[in-house]
Amino acid sequence: MTGNPKTIMLVCAAGMSTSMLVRKMTDAAEKNKVNVNIFATSASDAHDKLAAEHPDVLLLGPQVRYLAADFKAELSIPVAVINMQDYGLMKGDRVLQTALDLIA
């Protein structure tokens, strides 16, 4: 793993379900030697975390997809809603690839 890590921020309603997905994404990143920092937060804490962490990409859980337009309007980083099937099946490798594709 070389270079500065890219930071991936996940947002969901309470921050709980995405924390499991963060673990799966981290496992996939380690397996593929991808240098990333991945964390999850609740929608209510999202703005504080954005200011503190300066992520390279913001991924929203399907349950908070209604926030996408607002985040896209106010942020200069890529914002996307996690694919519902990937989210439901906790496909960390696919969600990680989505984030990396958005950053590239």
PDB file of N, CA and C in Angstrom:
ATOM      1  N   MET A   1       0.845  -1.174   0.000  1.00  0.00           N
ATOM      2  CA  MET A   1       0.000   0.000   0.000  1.00  0.00           C
ATOM      3  C   MET A   1       0.894   1.242   0.000  1.00  0.00           C
ATOM      4  N   THR A   2       0.744   2.039  -1.021  1.00  0.00           N
ATOM      5  CA  THR A   2       1.596   3.213  -1.148  1.00  0.00           C
ATOM      6  C   THR A   2       0.762   4.467  -1.306  1.00  0.00           C
ATOM      7  N   GLY A   3       1.417   5.603  -1.112  1.00  0.00           N
ATOM      8  CA  GLY A   3       0.737   6.878  -1.289  1.00  0.00           C
ATOM      9  C   GLY A   3      -0.199   7.200  -0.150  1.00  0.00           C
ATOM     10  N   ASN A   4      -0.756   8.402  -0.215  1.00  0.00           N
ATOM     11  CA  ASN A   4      -1.715   8.809   0.808  1.00  0.00           C
ATOM     12  C   ASN A   4      -3.009   8.031   0.633  1.00  0.00           C
ATOM     13  N   PRO A   5      -3.585   7.574   1.743  1.00  0.00           N
ATOM     14  CA  PRO A   5      -4.837   6.828   1.612  1.00  0.00           C
ATOM     15  C   PRO A   5      -5.980   7.725   1.170  1.00  0.00           C
ATOM     16  N   LYS A   6      -6.880   7.167   0.378  1.00  0.00           N
ATOM     17  CA  LYS A   6      -8.119   7.848   0.015  1.00  0.00           C
ATOM     18  C   LYS A   6      -9.105   7.609   1.152  1.00  0.00           C
ATOM     19  N   THR A   7      -9.932   8.588   1.435  1.00  0.00           N
ATOM     20  CA  THR A   7     -10.889   8.473   2.530  1.00  0.00           C
ATOM     21  C   THR A   7     -12.290   8.321   1.967  1.00  0.00           C
ATOM     22  N   ILE A   8     -12.955   7.261   2.393  1.00  0.00           N
ATOM     23  CA  ILE A   8     -14.310   6.938   1.946  1.00  0.00           C
ATOM     24  C   ILE A   8     -15.244   7.065   3.147  1.00  0.00           C
ATOM     25  N   MET A   9     -16.260   7.898   3.005  1.00  0.00           N
ATOM     26  CA  MET A   9     -17.229   8.108   4.079  1.00  0.00           C
ATOM     27  C   MET A   9     -18.563   7.502   3.683  1.00  0.00           C
ATOM     28  N   LEU A  10     -19.119   6.692   4.576  1.00  0.00           N
ATOM     29  CA  LEU A  10     -20.441   6.098   4.373  1.00  0.00           C
ATOM     30  C   LEU A  10     -21.405   6.742   5.353  1.00  0.00           C
ATOM     31  N   VAL A  11     -22.612   7.037   4.884  1.00  0.00           N
ATOM     32  CA  VAL A  11     -23.636   7.632   5.740  1.00  0.00           C
ATOM     33  C   VAL A  11     -24.886   6.768   5.680  1.00  0.00           C
ATOM     34  N   CYS A  12     -25.427   6.477   6.857  1.00  0.00           N
ATOM     35  CA  CYS A  12     -26.732   5.796   6.902  1.00  0.00           C
ATOM     36  C   CYS A  12     -27.572   6.442   7.986  1.00  0.00           C
ATOM     37  N   ALA A  13     -28.735   5.923   8.225  1.00  0.00           N
ATOM     38  CA  ALA A  13     -29.665   6.560   9.155  1.00  0.00           C
ATOM     39  C   ALA A  13     -29.054   6.672  10.557  1.00  0.00           C
ATOM     40  N   ALA A  14     -28.512   5.573  11.085  1.00  0.00           N
ATOM     41  CA  ALA A  14     -27.973   5.599  12.443  1.00  0.00           C
ATOM     42  C   ALA A  14     -26.487   5.274  12.507  1.00  0.00           C
ATOM     43  N   GLY A  15     -25.893   4.866  11.390  1.00  0.00           N
ATOM     44  CA  GLY A  15     -24.483   4.523  11.390  1.00  0.00           C
ATOM     45  C   GLY A  15     -24.188   3.084  11.770  1.00  0.00           C
ATOM     46  N   MET A  16     -25.228   2.306  12.040  1.00  0.00           N
ATOM     47  CA  MET A  16     -25.013   0.935  12.507  1.00  0.00           C
ATOM     48  C   MET A  16     -24.831  -0.057  11.353  1.00  0.00           C
ATOM     49  N   SER A  17     -25.755  -0.079  10.426  1.00  0.00           N
ATOM     50  CA  SER A  17     -25.661  -1.071   9.351  1.00  0.00           C
ATOM     51  C   SER A  17     -24.445  -0.810   8.482  1.00  0.00           C
ATOM     52  N   THR A  18     -24.079   0.447   8.299  1.00  0.00           N
ATOM     53  CA  THR A  18     -22.915   0.718   7.461  1.00  0.00           C
ATOM     54  C   THR A  18     -21.616   0.323   8.144  1.00  0.00           C
ATOM     55  N   SER A  19     -21.598   0.237   9.473  1.00  0.00           N
ATOM     56  CA  SER A  19     -20.355  -0.160  10.138  1.00  0.00           C
ATOM     57  C   SER A  19     -19.984  -1.596   9.771  1.00  0.00           C
ATOM     58  N   MET A  20     -20.977  -2.455   9.558  1.00  0.00           N
ATOM     59  CA  MET A  20     -20.684  -3.818   9.086  1.00  0.00           C
ATOM     60  C   MET A  20     -20.118  -3.770   7.669  1.00  0.00           C
ATOM     61  N   LEU A  21     -20.680  -2.907   6.853  1.00  0.00           N
ATOM     62  CA  LEU A  21     -20.212  -2.769   5.480  1.00  0.00           C
ATOM     63  C   LEU A  21     -18.789  -2.211   5.454  1.00  0.00           C
ATOM     64  N   VAL A  22     -18.468  -1.290   6.354  1.00  0.00           N
ATOM     65  CA  VAL A  22     -17.101  -0.756   6.442  1.00  0.00           C
ATOM     66  C   VAL A  22     -16.118  -1.890   6.680  1.00  0.00           C
ATOM     67  N   ARG A  23     -16.455  -2.813   7.568  1.00  0.00           N
ATOM     68  CA  ARG A  23     -15.574  -3.951   7.862  1.00  0.00           C
ATOM     69  C   ARG A  23     -15.341  -4.787   6.596  1.00  0.00           C
ATOM     70  N   LYS A  24     -16.411  -5.065   5.867  1.00  0.00           N
ATOM     71  CA  LYS A  24     -16.295  -5.856   4.634  1.00  0.00           C
ATOM     72  C   LYS A  24     -15.462  -5.109   3.590  1.00  0.00           C
ATOM     73  N   MET A  25     -15.656  -3.790   3.494  1.00  0.00           N
ATOM     74  CA  MET A  25     -14.885  -2.983   2.538  1.00  0.00           C
ATOM     75  C   MET A  25     -13.408  -2.949   2.936  1.00  0.00           C
ATOM     76  N   THR A  26     -13.146  -2.816   4.229  1.00  0.00           N
ATOM     77  CA  THR A  26     -11.770  -2.793   4.720  1.00  0.00           C
ATOM     78  C   THR A  26     -11.079  -4.121   4.428  1.00  0.00           C
ATOM     79  N   ASP A  27     -11.792  -5.220   4.643  1.00  0.00           N
ATOM     80  CA  ASP A  27     -11.236  -6.548   4.327  1.00  0.00           C
ATOM     81  C   ASP A  27     -10.881  -6.646   2.850  1.00  0.00           C
ATOM     82  N   ALA A  28     -11.772  -6.169   1.991  1.00  0.00           N
ATOM     83  CA  ALA A  28     -11.522  -6.205   0.544  1.00  0.00           C
ATOM     84  C   ALA A  28     -10.333  -5.326   0.174  1.00  0.00           C
ATOM     85  N   ALA A  29     -10.224  -4.156   0.813  1.00  0.00           N
ATOM     86  CA  ALA A  29      -9.111  -3.246   0.535  1.00  0.00           C
ATOM     87  C   ALA A  29      -7.780  -3.881   0.944  1.00  0.00           C
ATOM     88  N   GLU A  30      -7.752  -4.508   2.109  1.00  0.00           N
ATOM     89  CA  GLU A  30      -6.532  -5.160   2.580  1.00  0.00           C
ATOM     90  C   GLU A  30      -6.143  -6.308   1.653  1.00  0.00           C
ATOM     91  N   LYS A  31      -7.116  -7.087   1.250  1.00  0.00           N
ATOM     92  CA  LYS A  31      -6.872  -8.225   0.357  1.00  0.00           C
ATOM     93  C   LYS A  31      -6.276  -7.763  -0.971  1.00  0.00           C
ATOM     94  N   ASN A  32      -6.749  -6.618  -1.466  1.00  0.00           N
ATOM     95  CA  ASN A  32      -6.302  -6.099  -2.763  1.00  0.00           C
ATOM     96  C   ASN A  32      -5.216  -5.026  -2.643  1.00  0.00           C
ATOM     97  N   LYS A  33      -4.714  -4.840  -1.421  1.00  0.00           N
ATOM     98  CA  LYS A  33      -3.645  -3.868  -1.159  1.00  0.00           C
ATOM     99  C   LYS A  33      -4.004  -2.456  -1.639  1.00  0.00           C
ATOM    100  N   VAL A  34      -5.227  -2.041  -1.312  1.00  0.00           N
ATOM    101  CA  VAL A  34      -5.702  -0.701  -1.640  1.00  0.00           C
ATOM    102  C   VAL A  34      -5.589   0.155  -0.379  1.00  0.00           C
ATOM    103  N   ASN A  35      -4.930   1.293  -0.491  1.00  0.00           N
ATOM    104  CA  ASN A  35      -4.681   2.169   0.648  1.00  0.00           C
ATOM    105  C   ASN A  35      -5.857   3.125   0.833  1.00  0.00           C
ATOM    106  N   VAL A  36      -6.776   2.765   1.728  1.00  0.00           N
ATOM    107  CA  VAL A  36      -7.960   3.589   1.969  1.00  0.00           C
ATOM    108  C   VAL A  36      -8.257   3.686   3.461  1.00  0.00           C
ATOM    109  N   ASN A  37      -8.942   4.745   3.812  1.00  0.00           N
ATOM    110  CA  ASN A  37      -9.474   4.938   5.153  1.00  0.00           C
ATOM    111  C   ASN A  37     -10.987   4.982   4.972  1.00  0.00           C
ATOM    112  N   ILE A  38     -11.697   4.053   5.595  1.00  0.00           N
ATOM    113  CA  ILE A  38     -13.152   3.951   5.410  1.00  0.00           C
ATOM    114  C   ILE A  38     -13.820   4.090   6.772  1.00  0.00           C
ATOM    115  N   PHE A  39     -14.841   4.930   6.838  1.00  0.00           N
ATOM    116  CA  PHE A  39     -15.581   5.051   8.094  1.00  0.00           C
ATOM    117  C   PHE A  39     -17.051   5.317   7.803  1.00  0.00           C
ATOM    118  N   ALA A  40     -17.878   5.034   8.801  1.00  0.00           N
ATOM    119  CA  ALA A  40     -19.323   5.234   8.689  1.00  0.00           C
ATOM    120  C   ALA A  40     -19.784   6.218   9.752  1.00  0.00           C
ATOM    121  N   THR A  41     -20.833   6.938   9.428  1.00  0.00           N
ATOM    122  CA  THR A  41     -21.425   7.868  10.381  1.00  0.00           C
ATOM    123  C   THR A  41     -22.927   7.945  10.145  1.00  0.00           C
ATOM    124  N   SER A  42     -23.617   8.507  11.105  1.00  0.00           N
ATOM    125  CA  SER A  42     -25.060   8.679  10.959  1.00  0.00           C
ATOM    126  C   SER A  42     -25.339   9.946  10.155  1.00  0.00           C
ATOM    127  N   ALA A  43     -26.517  10.026   9.593  1.00  0.00           N
ATOM    128  CA  ALA A  43     -26.904  11.208   8.819  1.00  0.00           C
ATOM    129  C   ALA A  43     -26.846  12.462   9.686  1.00  0.00           C
ATOM    130  N   SER A  44     -27.195  12.332  10.952  1.00  0.00           N
ATOM    131  CA  SER A  44     -27.206  13.510  11.831  1.00  0.00           C
ATOM    132  C   SER A  44     -25.796  14.031  12.129  1.00  0.00           C
ATOM    133  N   ASP A  45     -24.782  13.170  12.036  1.00  0.00           N
ATOM    134  CA  ASP A  45     -23.394  13.580  12.289  1.00  0.00           C
ATOM    135  C   ASP A  45     -22.609  13.837  11.004  1.00  0.00           C
ATOM    136  N   ALA A  46     -23.243  13.688   9.858  1.00  0.00           N
ATOM    137  CA  ALA A  46     -22.521  13.724   8.581  1.00  0.00           C
ATOM    138  C   ALA A  46     -21.760  15.028   8.355  1.00  0.00           C
ATOM    139  N   HIS A  47     -22.379  16.160   8.630  1.00  0.00           N
ATOM    140  CA  HIS A  47     -21.698  17.434   8.352  1.00  0.00           C
ATOM    141  C   HIS A  47     -20.478  17.635   9.245  1.00  0.00           C
ATOM    142  N   ASP A  48     -20.573  17.232  10.512  1.00  0.00           N
ATOM    143  CA  ASP A  48     -19.412  17.327  11.409  1.00  0.00           C
ATOM    144  C   ASP A  48     -18.279  16.441  10.907  1.00  0.00           C
ATOM    145  N   LYS A  49     -18.606  15.231  10.476  1.00  0.00           N
ATOM    146  CA  LYS A  49     -17.588  14.308   9.979  1.00  0.00           C
ATOM    147  C   LYS A  49     -16.974  14.796   8.674  1.00  0.00           C
ATOM    148  N   LEU A  50     -17.787  15.381   7.816  1.00  0.00           N
ATOM    149  CA  LEU A  50     -17.259  15.939   6.564  1.00  0.00           C
ATOM    150  C   LEU A  50     -16.214  17.009   6.859  1.00  0.00           C
ATOM    151  N   ALA A  51     -16.518  17.876   7.813  1.00  0.00           N
ATOM    152  CA  ALA A  51     -15.603  18.961   8.168  1.00  0.00           C
ATOM    153  C   ALA A  51     -14.326  18.424   8.814  1.00  0.00           C
ATOM    154  N   ALA A  52     -14.455  17.378   9.620  1.00  0.00           N
ATOM    155  CA  ALA A  52     -13.308  16.853  10.355  1.00  0.00           C
ATOM    156  C   ALA A  52     -12.432  15.934   9.511  1.00  0.00           C
ATOM    157  N   GLU A  53     -13.041  15.134   8.657  1.00  0.00           N
ATOM    158  CA  GLU A  53     -12.314  14.063   7.964  1.00  0.00           C
ATOM    159  C   GLU A  53     -11.936  14.381   6.521  1.00  0.00           C
ATOM    160  N   HIS A  54     -12.617  15.315   5.874  1.00  0.00           N
ATOM    161  CA  HIS A  54     -12.356  15.688   4.476  1.00  0.00           C
ATOM    162  C   HIS A  54     -12.261  14.461   3.556  1.00  0.00           C
ATOM    163  N   PRO A  55     -13.350  13.681   3.463  1.00  0.00           N
ATOM    164  CA  PRO A  55     -13.302  12.474   2.635  1.00  0.00           C
ATOM    165  C   PRO A  55     -13.156  12.787   1.146  1.00  0.00           C
ATOM    166  N   ASP A  56     -12.688  11.790   0.395  1.00  0.00           N
ATOM    167  CA  ASP A  56     -12.546  11.911  -1.058  1.00  0.00           C
ATOM    168  C   ASP A  56     -13.829  11.542  -1.780  1.00  0.00           C
ATOM    169  N   VAL A  57     -14.691  10.788  -1.101  1.00  0.00           N
ATOM    170  CA  VAL A  57     -15.963  10.366  -1.691  1.00  0.00           C
ATOM    171  C   VAL A  57     -16.960  10.114  -0.559  1.00  0.00           C
ATOM    172  N   LEU A  58     -18.241  10.376  -0.843  1.00  0.00           N
ATOM    173  CA  LEU A  58     -19.311  10.158   0.122  1.00  0.00           C
ATOM    174  C   LEU A  58     -20.302   9.167  -0.470  1.00  0.00           C
ATOM    175  N   LEU A  59     -20.511   8.067   0.236  1.00  0.00           N
ATOM    176  CA  LEU A  59     -21.487   7.063  -0.194  1.00  0.00           C
ATOM    177  C   LEU A  59     -22.632   7.042   0.808  1.00  0.00           C
ATOM    178  N   LEU A  60     -23.845   7.073   0.289  1.00  0.00           N
ATOM    179  CA  LEU A  60     -25.040   7.076   1.125  1.00  0.00           C
ATOM    180  C   LEU A  60     -25.705   5.706   1.114  1.00  0.00           C
ATOM    181  N   GLY A  61     -26.122   5.253   2.284  1.00  0.00           N
ATOM    182  CA  GLY A  61     -26.910   4.030   2.355  1.00  0.00           C
ATOM    183  C   GLY A  61     -28.236   4.253   1.660  1.00  0.00           C
ATOM    184  N   PRO A  62     -28.827   3.195   1.106  1.00  0.00           N
ATOM    185  CA  PRO A  62     -30.095   3.351   0.372  1.00  0.00           C
ATOM    186  C   PRO A  62     -31.199   4.016   1.198  1.00  0.00           C
ATOM    187  N   GLN A  63     -31.188   3.817   2.514  1.00  0.00           N
ATOM    188  CA  GLN A  63     -32.245   4.382   3.359  1.00  0.00           C
ATOM    189  C   GLN A  63     -32.143   5.898   3.515  1.00  0.00           C
ATOM    190  N   VAL A  64     -30.987   6.494   3.140  1.00  0.00           N
ATOM    191  CA  VAL A  64     -30.850   7.953   3.203  1.00  0.00           C
ATOM    192  C   VAL A  64     -30.584   8.543   1.815  1.00  0.00           C
ATOM    193  N   ARG A  65     -31.039   7.850   0.783  1.00  0.00           N
ATOM    194  CA  ARG A  65     -30.824   8.319  -0.595  1.00  0.00           C
ATOM    195  C   ARG A  65     -31.429   9.703  -0.816  1.00  0.00           C
ATOM    196  N   TYR A  66     -32.446  10.059  -0.034  1.00  0.00           N
ATOM    197  CA  TYR A  66     -33.084  11.367  -0.181  1.00  0.00           C
ATOM    198  C   TYR A  66     -32.118  12.527   0.120  1.00  0.00           C
ATOM    199  N   LEU A  67     -30.986  12.245   0.768  1.00  0.00           N
ATOM    200  CA  LEU A  67     -29.999  13.282   1.082  1.00  0.00           C
ATOM    201  C   LEU A  67     -29.038  13.559  -0.079  1.00  0.00           C
ATOM    202  N   ALA A  68     -29.053  12.706  -1.090  1.00  0.00           N
ATOM    203  CA  ALA A  68     -28.064  12.791  -2.173  1.00  0.00           C
ATOM    204  C   ALA A  68     -28.045  14.151  -2.859  1.00  0.00           C
ATOM    205  N   ALA A  69     -29.185  14.687  -3.227  1.00  0.00           N
ATOM    206  CA  ALA A  69     -29.216  15.955  -3.960  1.00  0.00           C
ATOM    207  C   ALA A  69     -28.612  17.090  -3.138  1.00  0.00           C
ATOM    208  N   ASP A  70     -28.934  17.132  -1.854  1.00  0.00           N
ATOM    209  CA  ASP A  70     -28.387  18.184  -0.994  1.00  0.00           C
ATOM    210  C   ASP A  70     -26.873  18.077  -0.880  1.00  0.00           C
ATOM    211  N   PHE A  71     -26.372  16.868  -0.649  1.00  0.00           N
ATOM    212  CA  PHE A  71     -24.922  16.687  -0.534  1.00  0.00           C
ATOM    213  C   PHE A  71     -24.223  17.015  -1.857  1.00  0.00           C
ATOM    214  N   LYS A  72     -24.813  16.591  -2.958  1.00  0.00           N
ATOM    215  CA  LYS A  72     -24.208  16.882  -4.265  1.00  0.00           C
ATOM    216  C   LYS A  72     -24.137  18.386  -4.509  1.00  0.00           C
ATOM    217  N   ALA A  73     -25.144  19.115  -4.063  1.00  0.00           N
ATOM    218  CA  ALA A  73     -25.185  20.564  -4.277  1.00  0.00           C
ATOM    219  C   ALA A  73     -24.141  21.300  -3.437  1.00  0.00           C
ATOM    220  N   GLU A  74     -23.856  20.779  -2.250  1.00  0.00           N
ATOM    221  CA  GLU A  74     -22.960  21.522  -1.352  1.00  0.00           C
ATOM    222  C   GLU A  74     -21.527  21.015  -1.316  1.00  0.00           C
ATOM    223  N   LEU A  75     -21.253  19.840  -1.863  1.00  0.00           N
ATOM    224  CA  LEU A  75     -19.905  19.267  -1.788  1.00  0.00           C
ATOM    225  C   LEU A  75     -19.225  19.275  -3.149  1.00  0.00           C
ATOM    226  N   SER A  76     -17.897  19.300  -3.120  1.00  0.00           N
ATOM    227  CA  SER A  76     -17.123  19.244  -4.366  1.00  0.00           C
ATOM    228  C   SER A  76     -16.484  17.871  -4.557  1.00  0.00           C
ATOM    229  N   ILE A  77     -16.960  16.885  -3.792  1.00  0.00           N
ATOM    230  CA  ILE A  77     -16.475  15.505  -3.932  1.00  0.00           C
ATOM    231  C   ILE A  77     -17.598  14.656  -4.522  1.00  0.00           C
ATOM    232  N   PRO A  78     -17.254  13.495  -5.089  1.00  0.00           N
ATOM    233  CA  PRO A  78     -18.305  12.612  -5.609  1.00  0.00           C
ATOM    234  C   PRO A  78     -19.239  12.136  -4.485  1.00  0.00           C
ATOM    235  N   VAL A  79     -20.527  12.098  -4.797  1.00  0.00           N
ATOM    236  CA  VAL A  79     -21.557  11.624  -3.875  1.00  0.00           C
ATOM    237  C   VAL A  79     -22.392  10.604  -4.632  1.00  0.00           C
ATOM    238  N   ALA A  80     -22.621   9.442  -4.031  1.00  0.00           N
ATOM    239  CA  ALA A  80     -23.430   8.417  -4.689  1.00  0.00           C
ATOM    240  C   ALA A  80     -24.199   7.614  -3.646  1.00  0.00           C
ATOM    241  N   VAL A  81     -25.291   7.007  -4.099  1.00  0.00           N
ATOM    242  CA  VAL A  81     -26.070   6.104  -3.255  1.00  0.00           C
ATOM    243  C   VAL A  81     -25.559   4.692  -3.511  1.00  0.00           C
ATOM    244  N   ILE A  82     -25.301   3.956  -2.438  1.00  0.00           N
ATOM    245  CA  ILE A  82     -24.822   2.583  -2.559  1.00  0.00           C
ATOM    246  C   ILE A  82     -25.911   1.729  -3.201  1.00  0.00           C
ATOM    247  N   ASN A  83     -25.515   0.905  -4.159  1.00  0.00           N
ATOM    248  CA  ASN A  83     -26.435  -0.018  -4.806  1.00  0.00           C
ATOM    249  C   ASN A  83     -27.165  -0.828  -3.733  1.00  0.00           C
ATOM    250  N   MET A  84     -28.497  -0.868  -3.827  1.00  0.00           N
ATOM    251  CA  MET A  84     -29.299  -1.514  -2.788  1.00  0.00           C
ATOM    252  C   MET A  84     -28.962  -2.992  -2.611  1.00  0.00           C
ATOM    253  N   GLN A  85     -28.727  -3.679  -3.718  1.00  0.00           N
ATOM    254  CA  GLN A  85     -28.403  -5.105  -3.620  1.00  0.00           C
ATOM    255  C   GLN A  85     -27.027  -5.306  -2.975  1.00  0.00           C
ATOM    256  N   ASP A  86     -26.037  -4.499  -3.383  1.00  0.00           N
ATOM    257  CA  ASP A  86     -24.705  -4.601  -2.778  1.00  0.00           C
ATOM    258  C   ASP A  86     -24.771  -4.294  -1.286  1.00  0.00           C
ATOM    259  N   TYR A  87     -25.596  -3.319  -0.934  1.00  0.00           N
ATOM    260  CA  TYR A  87     -25.761  -2.932   0.462  1.00  0.00           C
ATOM    261  C   TYR A  87     -26.425  -4.050   1.257  1.00  0.00           C
ATOM    262  N   GLY A  88     -27.520  -4.554   0.736  1.00  0.00           N
ATOM    263  CA  GLY A  88     -28.276  -5.599   1.432  1.00  0.00           C
ATOM    264  C   GLY A  88     -27.483  -6.874   1.630  1.00  0.00           C
ATOM    265  N   LEU A  89     -26.653  -7.203   0.644  1.00  0.00           N
ATOM    266  CA  LEU A  89     -25.850  -8.431   0.715  1.00  0.00           C
ATOM    267  C   LEU A  89     -24.465  -8.167   1.306  1.00  0.00           C
ATOM    268  N   MET A  90     -24.217  -6.925   1.737  1.00  0.00           N
ATOM    269  CA  MET A  90     -22.938  -6.545   2.343  1.00  0.00           C
ATOM    270  C   MET A  90     -21.754  -6.914   1.444  1.00  0.00           C
ATOM    271  N   LYS A  91     -21.869  -6.564   0.182  1.00  0.00           N
ATOM    272  CA  LYS A  91     -20.807  -6.840  -0.799  1.00  0.00           C
ATOM    273  C   LYS A  91     -19.742  -5.747  -0.706  1.00  0.00           C
ATOM    274  N   GLY A  92     -18.884  -5.851   0.296  1.00  0.00           N
ATOM    275  CA  GLY A  92     -17.870  -4.840   0.541  1.00  0.00           C
ATOM    276  C   GLY A  92     -16.943  -4.609  -0.630  1.00  0.00           C
ATOM    277  N   ASP A  93     -16.594  -5.683  -1.343  1.00  0.00           N
ATOM    278  CA  ASP A  93     -15.684  -5.544  -2.491  1.00  0.00           C
ATOM    279  C   ASP A  93     -16.317  -4.685  -3.585  1.00  0.00           C
ATOM    280  N   ARG A  94     -17.604  -4.867  -3.831  1.00  0.00           N
ATOM    281  CA  ARG A  94     -18.276  -4.104  -4.890  1.00  0.00           C
ATOM    282  C   ARG A  94     -18.492  -2.652  -4.485  1.00  0.00           C
ATOM    283  N   VAL A  95     -18.827  -2.419  -3.225  1.00  0.00           N
ATOM    284  CA  VAL A  95     -19.018  -1.049  -2.754  1.00  0.00           C
ATOM    285  C   VAL A  95     -17.681  -0.312  -2.741  1.00  0.00           C
ATOM    286  N   LEU A  96     -16.612  -1.003  -2.359  1.00  0.00           N
ATOM    287  CA  LEU A  96     -15.270  -0.413  -2.409  1.00  0.00           C
ATOM    288  C   LEU A  96     -14.923  -0.026  -3.837  1.00  0.00           C
ATOM    289  N   GLN A  97     -15.195  -0.909  -4.786  1.00  0.00           N
ATOM    290  CA  GLN A  97     -14.876  -0.610  -6.193  1.00  0.00           C
ATOM    291  C   GLN A  97     -15.683   0.584  -6.690  1.00  0.00           C
ATOM    292  N   THR A  98     -16.939   0.684  -6.284  1.00  0.00           N
ATOM    293  CA  THR A  98     -17.771   1.835  -6.652  1.00  0.00           C
ATOM    294  C   THR A  98     -17.119   3.125  -6.164  1.00  0.00           C
ATOM    295  N   ALA A  99     -16.678   3.118  -4.900  1.00  0.00           N
ATOM    296  CA  ALA A  99     -16.040   4.307  -4.323  1.00  0.00           C
ATOM    297  C   ALA A  99     -14.764   4.650  -5.069  1.00  0.00           C
ATOM    298  N   LEU A 100     -13.935   3.646  -5.352  1.00  0.00           N
ATOM    299  CA  LEU A 100     -12.660   3.888  -6.058  1.00  0.00           C
ATOM    300  C   LEU A 100     -12.907   4.415  -7.461  1.00  0.00           C
ATOM    301  N   ASP A 101     -13.932   3.897  -8.131  1.00  0.00           N
ATOM    302  CA  ASP A 101     -14.269   4.373  -9.479  1.00  0.00           C
ATOM    303  C   ASP A 101     -14.691   5.843  -9.448  1.00  0.00           C
ATOM    304  N   LEU A 102     -15.402   6.240  -8.398  1.00  0.00           N
ATOM    305  CA  LEU A 102     -15.847   7.632  -8.278  1.00  0.00           C
ATOM    306  C   LEU A 102     -14.677   8.576  -8.013  1.00  0.00           C
ATOM    307  N   ILE A 103     -13.696   8.103  -7.268  1.00  0.00           N
ATOM    308  CA  ILE A 103     -12.536   8.939  -6.920  1.00  0.00           C
ATOM    309  C   ILE A 103     -11.614   9.104  -8.121  1.00  0.00           C
ATOM    310  N   ALA A 104     -11.500   8.057  -8.950  1.00  0.00           N
ATOM    311  CA  ALA A 104     -10.543   8.038 -10.066  1.00  0.00           C
ATOM    312  C   ALA A 104     -10.755   9.167 -11.054  1.00  0.00           C
TER     313      ALA A 104
END
